[in-house]
Amino acid sequence: MAPGRIGTALKYQRPATVAEEIRIKLHQFCSDAQALTRFYDDELAQLPHVPDEPPPLRI
């Protein structure tokens, strides 16, 4: 995508209007406990497994 093409889809919308739409969608998402929990669980599932305790030190 060329630098001049960024944002052409929103050419006819004012930035404040787009920002308000994003704010409303984010508020709806964060207000839905089930969706938020599902998102959180999906993100945690993508993280690599880390042992609970570090290995013992050997000097």
Foldseek 3Di string as FASTA:
>chain_A
DDPVCPPPVCVPPDPVVVVVVVVVVVVVQVVDPVNVVVVVVVVVVPDDDDDPDDDDDDD
